[in-house]
Protein backbone atom coordinates (compact mmCIF):
# COMPACT_ATOMS: atom_id res chain seq x y z
CA MET A 1 0.00 0.00 0.00
CA ARG A 2 1.50 3.34 -1.08
CA LEU A 3 -0.15 6.59 -0.11
CA LEU A 4 0.74 10.22 -0.78
CA LEU A 5 0.70 11.89 2.61
CA SER A 6 2.04 15.40 2.19
CA PHE A 7 -1.47 16.83 2.60
CA LEU A 8 -2.31 14.68 5.65
CA CYS A 9 0.86 14.77 7.65
CA ILE A 10 1.10 17.34 10.44
CA SER A 11 4.45 19.13 10.63
CA PHE A 12 5.73 20.99 13.67
CA SER A 13 8.61 23.41 13.36
CA ILE A 14 9.75 26.82 14.41
CA ILE A 15 11.34 28.88 11.67
CA ALA A 16 14.42 30.23 13.38
CA PHE A 17 16.10 31.12 16.65
CA GLY A 18 18.79 33.76 16.40
CA GLN A 19 20.68 33.24 13.17
CA ASN A 20 19.97 29.52 12.84
CA SER A 21 17.06 28.09 10.86
CA ILE A 22 15.53 24.92 12.23
CA PRO A 23 15.30 22.15 9.59
CA SER A 24 11.91 21.12 8.28
CA ILE A 25 10.82 17.57 7.53
CA ASN A 26 7.74 16.27 5.72
CA ILE A 27 6.45 12.73 5.20
CA LEU A 28 5.58 12.13 1.56
CA ILE A 29 4.76 8.42 1.14
CA ILE A 30 4.10 5.53 3.50
CA SER A 31 4.25 1.97 2.21
CA ASN A 32 3.25 -0.91 4.47
CA ASP A 33 4.37 -4.52 3.95
CA GLU A 34 1.97 -6.38 6.22
CA VAL A 35 3.73 -9.71 5.81
CA ALA A 36 7.26 -8.50 6.49
CA GLN A 37 5.80 -6.09 9.07
CA GLU A 38 7.83 -3.25 7.63
CA LEU A 39 6.81 0.36 7.12
CA THR A 40 8.70 2.30 4.46
CA ILE A 41 8.57 6.07 4.93
CA THR A 42 9.65 8.40 2.12
CA TYR A 43 10.25 11.96 3.24
CA GLU A 44 11.81 15.29 2.34
CA LEU A 45 14.34 17.16 4.46
CA ASN A 46 15.17 20.83 4.13
CA ASP A 47 17.58 22.92 6.15
CA ALA A 48 17.79 26.54 5.01
CA ASP A 49 21.38 26.72 6.25
CA ASP A 50 22.24 23.56 4.26
CA GLU A 51 23.61 21.86 7.37
CA ALA A 52 23.88 18.11 7.80
CA CYS A 53 21.03 16.88 9.99
CA GLU A 54 20.12 14.00 12.25
CA VAL A 55 16.82 12.21 11.64
CA TRP A 56 15.07 9.78 13.98
CA LEU A 57 11.73 7.99 14.11
CA LYS A 58 9.43 7.79 17.12
CA TYR A 59 6.25 5.76 17.46
CA SER A 60 3.29 5.63 19.81
CA SER A 61 1.05 2.68 20.51
CA ASP A 62 -1.19 4.50 23.02
CA GLY A 63 -3.01 6.88 20.69
CA GLY A 64 -0.28 9.49 20.40
CA THR A 65 0.44 10.32 24.04
CA TYR A 66 3.83 8.72 24.60
CA PHE A 67 6.35 8.12 21.82
CA GLU A 68 9.36 5.81 21.88
CA ILE A 69 12.38 6.03 19.61
CA ALA A 70 12.65 3.26 17.00
CA GLU A 71 16.21 2.05 17.45
CA ALA A 72 18.49 0.12 15.10
CA PRO A 73 18.21 -2.57 13.84
CA GLN A 74 14.41 -2.03 13.82
CA VAL A 75 14.91 1.11 11.72
CA SER A 76 17.28 1.42 8.76
CA GLY A 77 17.92 3.52 5.67
CA ASP A 78 18.08 7.32 5.69
CA VAL A 79 18.12 7.71 9.45
CA GLY A 80 20.69 8.98 11.93
CA ALA A 81 23.28 11.71 11.44
CA GLY A 82 24.85 13.21 8.32
CA LEU A 83 21.72 13.63 6.18
CA THR A 84 21.46 16.59 3.82
CA ASN A 85 18.67 18.33 1.93
CA SER A 86 16.66 16.01 -0.32
CA ASN A 87 13.09 15.32 -1.37
CA ASP A 88 13.72 11.60 -1.84
CA LEU A 89 14.90 10.10 1.45
CA SER A 90 13.44 6.93 2.92
CA LEU A 91 13.71 4.70 5.94
CA VAL A 92 12.32 1.27 6.81
CA TRP A 93 10.84 0.47 10.20
CA ASP A 94 10.49 -3.16 11.27
CA TYR A 95 7.47 -2.90 13.56
CA SER A 96 7.22 -6.61 14.39
CA ASN A 97 7.79 -5.85 18.09
CA LEU A 98 4.95 -3.34 18.24
CA THR A 99 2.50 -4.28 21.00
CA SER A 100 -0.55 -3.00 19.12
CA GLU A 101 -1.78 -3.16 15.54
CA ILE A 102 0.24 -0.96 13.18
CA VAL A 103 -2.96 0.68 11.95
CA ASN A 104 -3.49 2.07 15.48
CA ALA A 105 0.01 3.53 15.81
CA HIS A 106 1.17 7.12 15.49
CA ILE A 107 4.59 8.08 14.18
CA GLN A 108 6.76 11.18 14.46
CA LEU A 109 9.73 11.84 12.21
CA TYR A 110 12.22 14.30 13.70
CA ALA A 111 15.00 16.31 12.12
CA SER A 112 17.67 18.29 13.99
CA ASP A 113 20.71 20.23 12.86
CA ASN A 114 22.12 19.79 16.40
CA LYS A 115 22.91 23.49 16.68
CA VAL A 116 23.31 24.83 20.21
CA ILE A 117 20.37 26.84 21.51
CA GLU A 118 21.56 29.55 23.86
CA ILE A 119 19.70 29.39 27.15
CA ALA A 120 20.39 33.09 27.61
CA ASP A 121 18.07 33.68 24.63
CA LEU A 122 15.23 31.93 26.45
CA VAL A 123 15.88 33.77 29.70
CA SER A 124 15.92 37.17 28.00
CA GLN A 125 12.31 36.74 26.84
CA VAL A 126 10.74 36.88 30.31
CA ASP A 127 8.55 39.97 30.34
CA GLU A 128 7.07 41.92 33.27
CA ALA A 129 4.12 43.09 31.17
CA SER A 130 3.27 39.47 30.36
CA LEU A 131 3.44 38.52 34.04
CA LEU A 132 1.15 41.43 34.91
CA SER A 133 -1.33 40.40 32.21
CA PHE A 134 -1.51 36.86 33.60
CA MET A 135 -1.92 38.23 37.13
CA GLU A 136 -4.80 40.48 36.19
CA THR A 137 -6.74 37.45 34.95
CA ILE A 138 -5.89 35.29 37.96
CA VAL A 139 -6.23 37.65 40.94
CA GLY A 140 -9.41 37.52 42.99
CA GLU A 141 -10.85 35.28 45.65
CA ARG A 142 -10.88 31.73 44.31
CA ASN A 143 -11.91 29.06 46.73
CA ALA A 144 -14.06 25.95 46.37
CA ILE A 145 -16.23 27.02 49.31
CA SER A 146 -16.62 30.79 49.05
CA SER A 147 -15.79 31.58 45.41
CA PRO A 148 -16.03 28.47 43.22
CA GLU A 149 -16.94 30.50 40.12
CA HIS A 150 -13.65 32.40 39.91
CA LEU A 151 -11.75 29.25 40.89
CA ALA A 152 -13.35 27.54 37.89
CA ASP A 153 -12.60 30.54 35.67
CA VAL A 154 -8.91 30.45 36.59
CA ARG A 155 -8.79 26.71 36.05
CA SER A 156 -10.32 27.18 32.60
CA PHE A 157 -7.81 29.95 31.84
CA ILE A 158 -4.89 27.65 32.71
CA ASN A 159 -6.45 24.87 30.64
CA GLU A 160 -6.93 27.17 27.65
CA THR A 161 -3.38 28.52 27.92
CA PHE A 162 -1.97 24.99 28.00
CA THR A 163 -4.04 23.97 25.00
CA ASN A 164 -3.08 27.05 22.98
CA ALA A 165 0.58 26.26 23.67
CA ASP A 166 0.03 22.81 22.07
CA LEU A 167 0.56 20.89 25.31
CA GLN A 168 -1.06 17.52 25.90
CA THR A 169 -3.67 18.93 28.29
CA GLU A 170 -6.04 17.24 30.70
CA ASN A 171 -8.02 17.92 33.86
CA HIS A 172 -7.04 15.52 36.62
CA GLU A 173 -10.24 15.02 38.58
CA PHE A 174 -10.48 14.12 42.27
CA VAL A 175 -13.08 14.41 45.02
CA PHE A 176 -12.37 15.99 48.39
CA SER A 177 -14.94 16.66 51.09
CA SER A 178 -17.74 15.76 48.66
CA THR A 179 -16.50 18.38 46.17
CA THR A 180 -15.14 17.56 42.72
CA MET A 181 -11.87 19.37 42.10
CA TYR A 182 -9.34 19.41 39.29
CA ASN A 183 -5.62 19.73 38.78
CA VAL A 184 -4.75 21.04 35.33
CA LEU A 185 -1.97 19.05 33.65
CA GLY A 186 -0.05 20.07 30.54
CA ARG A 187 2.75 18.06 28.96
CA LYS A 188 5.36 19.21 26.44
CA GLN A 189 6.78 15.94 25.17
CA GLY A 190 10.51 15.50 24.74
CA ALA A 191 12.01 15.00 21.30
CA LYS A 192 14.19 12.11 22.43
CA GLU A 193 13.99 10.45 25.85
CA GLU A 194 10.58 11.83 26.70
CA ALA A 195 9.97 9.58 29.71
CA THR A 196 12.44 11.76 31.64
CA THR A 197 10.21 14.55 32.94
CA TYR A 198 10.67 17.87 34.74
CA ILE A 199 7.75 19.71 36.34
CA ILE A 200 7.04 23.42 36.83
CA ASP A 201 3.98 23.95 39.02
CA GLY A 202 2.00 26.28 41.24
CA HIS A 203 -1.33 25.97 43.02
CA PHE A 204 -4.15 28.17 41.72
CA ASP A 205 -6.55 28.13 44.68
CA GLY A 206 -6.50 30.77 47.40
CA VAL A 207 -7.89 31.26 50.89
CA GLN A 208 -11.27 32.77 51.67
CA GLY A 209 -11.39 36.52 51.98
CA SER A 210 -8.22 37.24 49.98
CA PRO A 211 -7.57 38.22 46.36
CA ALA A 212 -4.58 35.86 46.72
CA ALA A 213 -2.19 37.77 44.45
CA ASP A 214 1.08 36.60 45.97
CA ASP A 215 -0.43 33.42 47.41
CA ASN A 216 -0.55 32.01 44.86
CA GLY A 217 -1.42 34.07 41.83
CA SER A 218 2.25 34.98 41.48
CA ALA A 219 3.08 31.29 41.10
CA VAL A 220 0.48 30.67 38.42
CA ALA A 221 1.57 33.76 36.50
CA GLY A 222 5.19 32.62 36.77
CA MET A 223 4.34 29.13 35.56
CA LEU A 224 2.38 30.48 32.58
CA GLU A 225 5.17 32.88 31.67
CA ALA A 226 7.67 30.00 31.79
CA LEU A 227 5.29 28.04 29.56
CA ARG A 228 4.95 30.94 27.11
CA ILE A 229 8.68 30.86 26.47
CA LEU A 230 9.56 27.17 26.83
CA SER A 231 6.70 26.08 24.56
CA GLN A 232 8.44 27.75 21.61
CA TYR A 233 11.37 25.33 21.80
CA SER A 234 12.02 21.61 21.54
CA PHE A 235 13.75 19.69 24.31
CA GLU A 236 15.26 16.22 24.53
CA HIS A 237 13.21 15.51 27.67
CA SER A 238 9.64 16.32 28.65
CA ILE A 239 8.47 19.31 30.66
CA ARG A 240 5.17 19.10 32.50
CA PHE A 241 3.29 22.17 33.73
CA ILE A 242 0.75 21.73 36.53
CA GLY A 243 -1.80 23.98 38.20
CA PHE A 244 -2.64 22.29 41.49
CA ASP A 245 -6.02 22.70 43.17
CA ALA A 246 -6.79 22.42 46.90
CA GLU A 247 -3.30 23.24 48.15
CA GLU A 248 -4.79 25.50 50.79
CA LEU A 249 -6.86 22.56 52.07
CA GLY A 250 -3.74 20.56 52.91
CA LEU A 251 -1.78 19.82 49.70
CA ILE A 252 -4.74 17.74 48.51
CA GLY A 253 -4.29 18.28 44.77
CA SER A 254 -0.61 17.37 44.68
CA ASN A 255 -1.17 14.32 46.87
CA ARG A 256 -3.92 13.07 44.59
CA TYR A 257 -1.77 13.72 41.53
CA ILE A 258 1.00 11.57 42.96
CA GLN A 259 -1.49 8.84 43.86
CA ASN A 260 -3.01 8.45 40.40
CA GLY A 261 -2.05 11.28 38.06
CA ILE A 262 1.50 10.37 37.12
CA LYS A 263 1.63 8.46 33.83
CA PRO A 264 3.14 4.96 33.87
CA PHE A 265 5.82 6.01 31.39
CA GLU A 266 6.90 9.13 33.30
CA ASN A 267 10.13 9.26 35.25
CA ILE A 268 9.98 12.53 37.19
CA GLU A 269 13.53 13.79 37.71
CA GLY A 270 12.77 17.16 39.27
CA VAL A 271 9.97 19.49 40.37
CA LEU A 272 10.21 23.29 40.49
CA ASN A 273 7.34 24.39 42.71
CA PHE A 274 6.40 28.09 42.79
CA GLU A 275 5.00 29.15 46.18
CA MET A 276 4.63 32.95 46.44
CA ILE A 277 7.31 34.54 44.27
CA GLY A 278 6.20 38.18 44.05
CA TYR A 279 6.80 40.00 47.33
CA TYR A 280 10.05 41.94 47.71
CA SER A 281 11.47 44.53 50.06
CA ASP A 282 14.89 46.14 50.08
CA GLU A 283 14.24 47.74 53.47
CA PRO A 284 16.19 46.43 56.49
CA ASN A 285 14.33 44.24 58.99
CA THR A 286 11.55 43.28 56.59
CA GLN A 287 12.47 39.57 56.70
CA THR A 288 11.99 37.28 59.66
CA LEU A 289 12.92 33.61 59.96
CA PRO A 290 11.00 30.58 61.22
CA PHE A 291 11.66 29.52 64.79
CA GLY A 292 14.86 27.47 64.99
CA PHE A 293 15.93 28.34 61.44
CA ASP A 294 19.22 29.80 62.68
CA MET A 295 20.07 26.58 64.49
CA LEU A 296 19.15 24.27 61.61
CA PHE A 297 20.62 26.42 58.82
CA PRO A 298 23.22 28.73 60.36
CA ALA A 299 24.88 29.67 57.06
CA ALA A 300 21.57 30.70 55.46
CA ALA A 301 20.51 32.60 58.58
CA GLN A 302 23.84 34.42 58.64
CA GLN A 303 23.43 35.34 54.96
CA VAL A 304 20.11 37.03 55.79
CA ALA A 305 21.53 38.71 58.89
CA ASP A 306 24.53 40.05 56.99
CA ASP A 307 22.10 41.86 54.66
CA GLU A 308 20.24 43.41 57.63
CA PHE A 309 17.26 41.09 57.26
CA ARG A 310 16.13 42.60 53.97
CA GLY A 311 13.33 40.73 52.20
CA ASN A 312 15.10 40.93 48.86
CA PHE A 313 15.80 37.29 48.02
CA ILE A 314 14.09 34.11 46.86
CA THR A 315 14.38 31.13 49.17
CA VAL A 316 15.12 27.88 47.34
CA VAL A 317 14.20 24.95 49.56
CA GLY A 318 15.17 21.36 48.81
CA ASN A 319 15.65 18.25 50.89
CA ALA A 320 18.75 16.09 51.00
CA PRO A 321 17.64 13.76 48.15
CA SER A 322 17.04 16.89 46.05
CA ASN A 323 20.57 18.23 46.45
CA SER A 324 21.45 17.74 42.78
CA LEU A 325 18.34 19.69 41.73
CA LEU A 326 19.17 22.43 44.23
CA GLU A 327 22.70 22.66 42.84
CA SER A 328 21.30 22.87 39.30
CA PHE A 329 19.06 25.77 40.27
CA THR A 330 21.71 27.75 42.13
CA SER A 331 24.20 27.21 39.30
CA ALA A 332 21.74 28.23 36.57
CA SER A 333 20.67 31.27 38.55
CA ALA A 334 24.28 32.41 39.05
CA SER A 335 25.03 31.92 35.35
CA TYR A 336 21.96 33.52 33.79
CA VAL A 337 20.37 35.73 36.47
CA PRO A 338 23.23 37.00 38.66
CA GLU A 339 21.05 39.90 39.80
CA LEU A 340 18.72 37.48 41.62
CA ASN A 341 19.63 37.18 45.29
CA LEU A 342 18.82 33.73 46.61
CA VAL A 343 19.15 31.79 49.82
CA ALA A 344 19.47 28.02 49.35
CA VAL A 345 18.38 25.60 52.06
CA ALA A 346 18.57 21.79 52.11
CA VAL A 347 16.49 20.14 54.84
CA PRO A 348 17.23 16.59 55.99
CA GLY A 349 14.94 13.72 55.07
CA ASP A 350 11.35 14.72 54.32
CA GLY A 351 11.73 18.11 56.02
CA SER A 352 9.67 17.22 59.08
CA ILE A 353 12.31 18.82 61.28
CA ALA A 354 11.37 22.19 59.71
CA PRO A 355 7.57 22.13 59.18
CA ASP A 356 7.49 25.74 57.92
CA LEU A 357 9.55 24.58 54.95
CA ARG A 358 6.99 21.90 54.02
CA ARG A 359 4.08 24.27 53.49
CA SER A 360 3.53 23.73 49.78
CA ASP A 361 3.08 21.08 47.11
CA HIS A 362 6.79 20.20 46.94
CA ALA A 363 6.34 18.29 50.21
CA SER A 364 4.02 15.80 48.48
CA PHE A 365 6.87 14.95 46.13
CA TRP A 366 9.41 14.73 48.96
CA ASP A 367 7.13 12.24 50.71
CA ASN A 368 7.26 10.05 47.62
CA ASN A 369 11.03 10.23 47.07
CA ILE A 370 10.80 12.62 44.12
CA LYS A 371 13.30 15.48 43.88
CA ALA A 372 11.57 18.82 44.34
CA LEU A 373 12.29 22.44 45.23
CA MET A 374 10.08 25.13 46.72
CA LEU A 375 10.75 28.63 45.39
CA THR A 376 9.28 31.12 47.84
CA ASP A 377 9.48 34.74 48.95
CA GLY A 378 8.96 33.56 52.52
CA ALA A 379 5.17 33.92 52.88
CA ASN A 380 4.21 35.37 56.29
CA PHE A 381 7.87 35.71 57.27
CA ARG A 382 8.05 38.62 54.81
CA ASN A 383 4.67 39.42 53.33
CA LEU A 384 2.39 40.79 56.05
CA ASN A 385 -0.52 40.61 53.59
CA TYR A 386 -0.36 36.82 53.66
CA HIS A 387 -3.88 35.31 53.76
CA THR A 388 -5.51 38.72 54.13
CA PRO A 389 -7.60 41.06 51.94
CA GLY A 390 -4.41 43.05 51.42
CA ASP A 391 -2.73 40.41 49.23
CA SER A 392 -3.24 42.42 46.06
CA ILE A 393 -1.39 43.01 42.79
CA GLY A 394 -0.25 46.47 43.89
CA THR A 395 1.90 44.99 46.64
CA LEU A 396 3.99 42.85 44.30
CA ASN A 397 7.35 43.50 42.65
CA PHE A 398 7.26 42.29 39.06
CA GLU A 399 10.95 42.76 38.44
CA PHE A 400 11.68 40.37 41.30
CA MET A 401 9.09 37.93 39.97
CA LYS A 402 10.63 38.20 36.51
CA ASN A 403 14.06 37.24 37.84
CA VAL A 404 12.66 34.21 39.68
CA VAL A 405 11.00 33.01 36.47
CA LYS A 406 14.24 33.60 34.56
CA ALA A 407 16.19 31.37 36.95
CA THR A 408 13.48 28.70 36.74
CA ILE A 409 13.48 28.74 32.94
CA ALA A 410 17.28 28.48 32.90
CA THR A 411 17.19 25.50 35.28
CA ALA A 412 14.42 23.66 33.43
CA ALA A 413 16.06 24.29 30.06
CA GLU A 414 19.48 23.06 31.18
CA LEU A 415 17.94 19.89 32.59
CA ALA A 416 15.52 19.19 29.71
CA VAL A 417 18.21 20.09 27.08
CA PRO A 418 16.99 22.42 24.29
CA ILE A 419 17.36 21.01 20.80
CA SER A 420 17.08 22.62 17.36
CA ALA A 421 14.50 20.26 15.87
CA SER A 422 11.14 19.92 14.16
CA TYR A 423 8.95 16.93 13.39
CA ALA A 424 6.20 15.60 11.17
CA GLU A 425 3.47 13.48 12.75
CA GLN A 426 1.10 10.93 11.24
CA ASP A 427 -1.78 8.95 12.69
CA LEU A 428 -1.44 5.72 10.71
CA SER A 429 -5.14 4.93 11.03
CA GLU A 430 -5.73 7.79 8.59
CA VAL A 431 -3.60 6.27 5.85
CA LEU A 432 -3.41 2.51 6.32
CA SER A 433 -6.19 0.17 5.29
CA ILE A 434 -8.30 -1.14 8.15
CA GLU A 435 -10.47 -3.46 6.05
CA ASN A 436 -10.98 -6.99 7.25
CA HIS A 437 -8.44 -9.37 5.76
CA ASN A 438 -9.70 -12.39 7.66
CA HIS A 439 -9.79 -14.84 4.78
CA GLU A 440 -8.39 -18.32 4.30
CA LEU A 441 -4.68 -18.73 3.64
CA PRO A 442 -4.47 -19.99 0.02
CA ALA A 443 -1.96 -22.69 0.98
CA SER A 444 -1.80 -25.79 3.13
CA PHE A 445 1.32 -27.19 4.76
CA SER A 446 2.61 -30.03 6.90
CA VAL A 447 5.67 -30.38 9.16
CA PHE A 448 8.06 -33.33 8.83
CA PRO A 449 9.64 -35.14 10.47
CA ASN A 450 7.49 -34.66 13.54
CA PRO A 451 8.82 -35.27 16.20
CA SER A 452 12.33 -34.21 15.11
CA ASP A 453 15.75 -33.28 16.46
CA GLY A 454 14.97 -29.66 15.58
CA ARG A 455 15.64 -29.92 11.85
CA ILE A 456 12.26 -29.70 10.12
CA SER A 457 10.80 -28.99 6.69
CA LEU A 458 7.51 -27.45 5.65
CA ASP A 459 5.83 -29.21 2.75
CA ILE A 460 3.67 -26.45 1.25
CA PHE A 461 0.98 -26.64 -1.43
CA ASN A 462 -0.12 -23.22 -2.75
CA GLU A 463 -3.36 -23.25 -4.74
CA SER A 464 -2.99 -19.65 -5.96
CA GLN A 465 -0.31 -17.32 -7.30
CA SER A 466 2.90 -16.80 -5.33
CA PHE A 467 2.79 -14.64 -2.22
CA LYS A 468 4.89 -13.70 0.80
CA ALA A 469 4.18 -15.20 4.19
CA ARG A 470 5.57 -14.75 7.66
CA VAL A 471 6.81 -17.88 9.44
CA GLU A 472 6.52 -17.59 13.24
CA VAL A 473 7.40 -20.17 15.87
CA TYR A 474 6.08 -20.01 19.46
CA ASN A 475 7.04 -22.09 22.47
CA ILE A 476 4.55 -23.57 24.93
CA THR A 477 4.42 -20.32 26.96
CA GLY A 478 3.48 -18.25 23.91
CA GLU A 479 6.87 -16.62 23.46
CA GLN A 480 7.89 -16.01 19.86
CA VAL A 481 11.24 -17.73 19.28
CA PHE A 482 11.57 -17.41 15.50
CA ARG A 483 10.37 -15.14 12.70
CA LYS A 484 11.17 -15.03 9.01
CA VAL A 485 9.52 -13.83 5.81
CA LEU A 486 9.16 -16.61 3.22
CA ASN A 487 8.35 -16.42 -0.49
CA ILE A 488 5.69 -19.04 -1.25
CA PRO A 489 5.69 -20.03 -4.96
CA SER A 490 2.65 -21.36 -6.75
CA GLY A 491 2.20 -25.14 -6.55
CA LYS A 492 4.27 -27.49 -4.33
CA SER A 493 7.41 -26.36 -2.47
CA THR A 494 9.53 -27.33 0.50
CA SER A 495 11.30 -25.03 2.98
CA SER A 496 13.71 -26.32 5.61
CA PHE A 497 14.56 -24.87 9.05
CA ASP A 498 17.09 -25.71 11.75
CA PHE A 499 15.80 -25.29 15.32
CA GLN A 500 18.40 -27.48 17.03
CA ASP A 501 19.31 -24.57 19.32
CA LEU A 502 15.81 -24.62 20.83
CA PRO A 503 15.08 -26.70 23.97
CA ALA A 504 13.17 -29.97 23.63
CA GLY A 505 9.44 -29.50 23.87
CA SER A 506 6.24 -28.63 22.00
CA TYR A 507 6.03 -25.70 19.58
CA ILE A 508 3.51 -24.01 17.29
CA ILE A 509 4.52 -22.86 13.80
CA ASN A 510 2.32 -20.26 12.08
CA LEU A 511 2.21 -19.33 8.41
CA ASN A 512 0.79 -15.77 8.14
CA ALA A 513 -0.11 -13.62 5.16
CA GLY A 514 -1.73 -10.38 6.33
CA GLU A 515 -4.63 -11.42 8.57
CA ALA A 516 -4.84 -14.96 7.13
CA SER A 517 -2.90 -17.72 8.86
CA LYS A 518 -2.63 -21.43 9.48
CA SER A 519 -0.87 -23.23 12.32
CA ARG A 520 0.66 -26.61 13.00
CA SER A 521 2.24 -28.08 16.11
CA PHE A 522 5.56 -29.92 16.20
CA ILE A 523 7.80 -31.50 18.81
CA ILE A 524 11.55 -31.27 19.30
CA GLN A 525 12.93 -34.31 21.12
């Protein structure tokens, strides 16, 4: 089956970053050999800079949510590095190991010129006006008890923003205290090892009686601004954005997400949790510290004291298992946002020794051995408007918020690895025949000798014209132990096989042509 697909295939690319043009790739023809279980893909590759490119194939057997890379020797032909502009390139994918029917699979064909994307270019795009615009939509009392309408409006706004950024978006539903609530999940899939996942999150609910600008509108605005920029780029790994509900009720949304919202294929390597990132003061004695902080974290306490207790820094809180993530954040911040003053704290274990440092959704991840950081302006230890009607937009410092988002983008980008790439995607159900091929195999065969020492022959009588068939052998547990494509001529023929390396026992040999097949049993003594 050969089909012209240029009008069906969806291509995803971004024209250029800086002086480099990202290559484009388009699928032209797909040819499926059902017997050999091989898909031949003809495609065109174009790089405006005429650079050699790398091409790789990914496939999904779950409806297009998670894609795996087709590795050699399953994929061959014009694939890998060193490919140049052409409108007549092709690769062959042996999909015999696919766990679902090929007609139900999705494929993505990627092209990259492997040019370095400067993280400084991403960081420079953070914009105070954009943060303010997000905040103006979010701010206002939003609580499942006292103001469910605005809570729902903000949830819908997050959902719409995720969808418009082309994220895989879903509402993660859960019930708490007889009320249905929703986390909003958005996933930007990685171009290569997409199971490796990094999360940027913030809770979108607030307390009763407060417009909840800093707590936690600043976090949602920061997350959406990070999304606005990161969504323009491709990354080797996946980045997930989450708006958590019911944080103010006891971290309910994040706990429920960890219970049943994480996808089976996801390997979460780090969480960057925004928890109040907008309040700033350069006046002395505007920052206090939790009780016992100076004894647990003397170096951090001294850093604050040396600056006369000014509330002019972001606190970055990790636990001991999150040390590598904490180091990544502090390093990225120093490299790309040196103007951001930060205080880094690593609590032992799950942080129970310092309960004030567990007061956000990062703690749910700590409790499940997932690396996570809380990025916070200090809540009530700095912002006296905390959980009051005074927590309004006018009290926030958007330059400070901008710098926190910059450091977060730099950290997420370094970890997820930006890549100069584009891809073409095809749902194979749109182009491959799904008609019923369940007809009789036009050939009969017998196995001899049977039993044998493993050396057998198939005596085949084909009543029709020649055709190709797939020979498959299964052991008693149903495991496939042999596969080969065989040309079956018209009339009588004999084909011999040597299975002496297989253990003694009973086996099934199938002769398949498309959906038609016949089986025989044989014994190796």
